[in-house]
C-alpha atoms as a PDB file:
ATOM      1  CA  MET A   1     -23.255   3.789   5.481  1.00  0.00           C
ATOM      2  CA  ARG A   2     -19.495   3.984   5.943  1.00  0.00           C
ATOM      3  CA  GLU A   3     -17.826   7.349   5.969  1.00  0.00           C
ATOM      4  CA  LYS A   4     -15.304   7.773   3.144  1.00  0.00           C
ATOM      5  CA  LYS A   5     -11.721   8.464   4.187  1.00  0.00           C
ATOM      6  CA  ASP A   6      -8.443   9.369   2.518  1.00  0.00           C
ATOM      7  CA  TYR A   7      -5.943   6.549   2.096  1.00  0.00           C
ATOM      8  CA  ILE A   8      -2.588   5.919   0.532  1.00  0.00           C
ATOM      9  CA  ILE A   9      -2.581   3.000  -1.900  1.00  0.00           C
ATOM     10  CA  ILE A  10       0.738   1.432  -2.906  1.00  0.00           C
ATOM     11  CA  THR A  11       0.589  -0.702  -6.064  1.00  0.00           C
ATOM     12  CA  PHE A  12       2.829  -3.475  -7.366  1.00  0.00           C
ATOM     13  CA  LYS A  13       3.728  -4.952 -10.727  1.00  0.00           C
ATOM     14  CA  THR A  14       3.441  -8.527  -9.459  1.00  0.00           C
ATOM     15  CA  THR A  15       1.576 -10.470  -6.807  1.00  0.00           C
ATOM     16  CA  THR A  16       4.950 -11.705  -5.550  1.00  0.00           C
ATOM     17  CA  ALA A  17       6.020  -8.111  -4.848  1.00  0.00           C
ATOM     18  CA  ALA A  18       2.751  -7.414  -2.996  1.00  0.00           C
ATOM     19  CA  MET A  19       3.214 -10.492  -0.830  1.00  0.00           C
ATOM     20  CA  ALA A  20       6.845  -9.533  -0.137  1.00  0.00           C
ATOM     21  CA  MET A  21       5.660  -6.082   0.975  1.00  0.00           C
ATOM     22  CA  GLU A  22       3.127  -7.620   3.323  1.00  0.00           C
ATOM     23  CA  LYS A  23       5.734  -9.919   4.856  1.00  0.00           C
ATOM     24  CA  GLU A  24       8.318  -7.163   5.279  1.00  0.00           C
ATOM     25  CA  CYS A  25       5.795  -4.682   6.703  1.00  0.00           C
ATOM     26  CA  LYS A  26       4.543  -7.197   9.253  1.00  0.00           C
ATOM     27  CA  THR A  27       8.126  -7.974  10.291  1.00  0.00           C
ATOM     28  CA  LYS A  28       8.990  -4.277  10.699  1.00  0.00           C
ATOM     29  CA  GLU A  29       5.559  -3.395  12.166  1.00  0.00           C
ATOM     30  CA  VAL A  30       4.680  -0.960   9.368  1.00  0.00           C
ATOM     31  CA  PRO A  31       0.939  -0.204   9.609  1.00  0.00           C
ATOM     32  CA  GLY A  32      -1.433  -1.069   6.790  1.00  0.00           C
ATOM     33  CA  ARG A  33      -2.763  -4.122   5.017  1.00  0.00           C
ATOM     34  CA  ILE A  34      -3.081  -5.847   1.666  1.00  0.00           C
ATOM     35  CA  ILE A  35      -6.361  -5.122  -0.138  1.00  0.00           C
ATOM     36  CA  PRO A  36      -7.725  -5.816  -3.616  1.00  0.00           C
ATOM     37  CA  LEU A  37      -6.701  -3.070  -6.031  1.00  0.00           C
ATOM     38  CA  PRO A  38      -9.380  -0.324  -6.044  1.00  0.00           C
ATOM     39  CA  THR A  39     -11.211  -0.111  -9.372  1.00  0.00           C
ATOM     40  CA  GLN A  40     -10.197   3.525  -9.945  1.00  0.00           C
ATOM     41  CA  ILE A  41      -6.510   2.489 -10.135  1.00  0.00           C
ATOM     42  CA  SER A  42      -4.883   0.481 -12.909  1.00  0.00           C
ATOM     43  CA  ALA A  43      -1.755  -1.471 -11.970  1.00  0.00           C
ATOM     44  CA  GLY A  44       0.227  -4.579 -12.794  1.00  0.00           C
ATOM     45  CA  CYS A  45      -1.334  -6.845 -10.172  1.00  0.00           C
ATOM     46  CA  GLY A  46      -4.668  -7.024  -8.393  1.00  0.00           C
ATOM     47  CA  LEU A  47      -3.300  -6.396  -4.905  1.00  0.00           C
ATOM     48  CA  SER A  48      -2.237  -3.205  -3.166  1.00  0.00           C
ATOM     49  CA  TRP A  49      -1.083  -1.985   0.246  1.00  0.00           C
ATOM     50  CA  ARG A  50      -3.440   0.432   2.029  1.00  0.00           C
ATOM     51  CA  MET A  51      -2.640   2.744   4.907  1.00  0.00           C
ATOM     52  CA  THR A  52      -4.015   6.004   6.233  1.00  0.00           C
ATOM     53  CA  CYS A  53      -2.450   9.277   5.136  1.00  0.00           C
ATOM     54  CA  PRO A  54      -1.061  10.086   8.613  1.00  0.00           C
ATOM     55  CA  GLU A  55       0.479   6.593   8.806  1.00  0.00           C
ATOM     56  CA  TYR A  56       2.107   7.071   5.414  1.00  0.00           C
ATOM     57  CA  ASP A  57       3.459  10.492   6.382  1.00  0.00           C
ATOM     58  CA  GLU A  58       5.039   8.940   9.477  1.00  0.00           C
ATOM     59  CA  TRP A  59       6.405   5.826   7.733  1.00  0.00           C
ATOM     60  CA  LYS A  60       7.202   7.143   4.226  1.00  0.00           C
ATOM     61  CA  ASP A  61      10.990   7.253   4.633  1.00  0.00           C
ATOM     62  CA  ARG A  62      11.094   3.748   6.081  1.00  0.00           C
ATOM     63  CA  ILE A  63       8.803   2.374   3.362  1.00  0.00           C
ATOM     64  CA  GLU A  64      11.121   3.772   0.698  1.00  0.00           C
ATOM     65  CA  GLN A  65      14.016   1.903   2.355  1.00  0.00           C
ATOM     66  CA  LEU A  66      12.269  -1.492   2.271  1.00  0.00           C
ATOM     67  CA  ASP A  67      13.674  -4.175  -0.001  1.00  0.00           C
ATOM     68  CA  THR A  68      10.297  -4.535  -1.720  1.00  0.00           C
ATOM     69  CA  VAL A  69       9.867  -2.817  -5.085  1.00  0.00           C
ATOM     70  CA  TYR A  70       6.518  -1.116  -5.543  1.00  0.00           C
ATOM     71  CA  GLU A  71       5.021   0.386  -8.687  1.00  0.00           C
ATOM     72  CA  ALA A  72       3.331   3.612  -7.551  1.00  0.00           C
ATOM     73  CA  VAL A  73       1.774   5.471  -4.612  1.00  0.00           C
ATOM     74  CA  TYR A  74      -1.730   6.948  -4.906  1.00  0.00           C
ATOM     75  CA  HIS A  75      -3.820   9.170  -2.660  1.00  0.00           C
ATOM     76  CA  VAL A  76      -7.463   8.041  -2.855  1.00  0.00           C
ATOM     77  CA  HIS A  77     -10.753   8.885  -1.182  1.00  0.00           C
ATOM     78  CA  MET A  78     -12.698   5.683  -0.483  1.00  0.00           C
END
């Protein structure tokens, strides 16, 4: 069985915004990946960006400066 870990989940209002985030993060080498929206979170679209908590702490300022508009940031244990 997989060990549960803490993650940061960034949600979006639209699929277009999620895809823009993925493209921009890959270009700027921001760690993380697109995943289906976890069931414990309700958001505008069914996709989200997942990264580890230490990655988010390191990249938070740069993520906030991206051109992509995100809906919310959640801390989850999954």
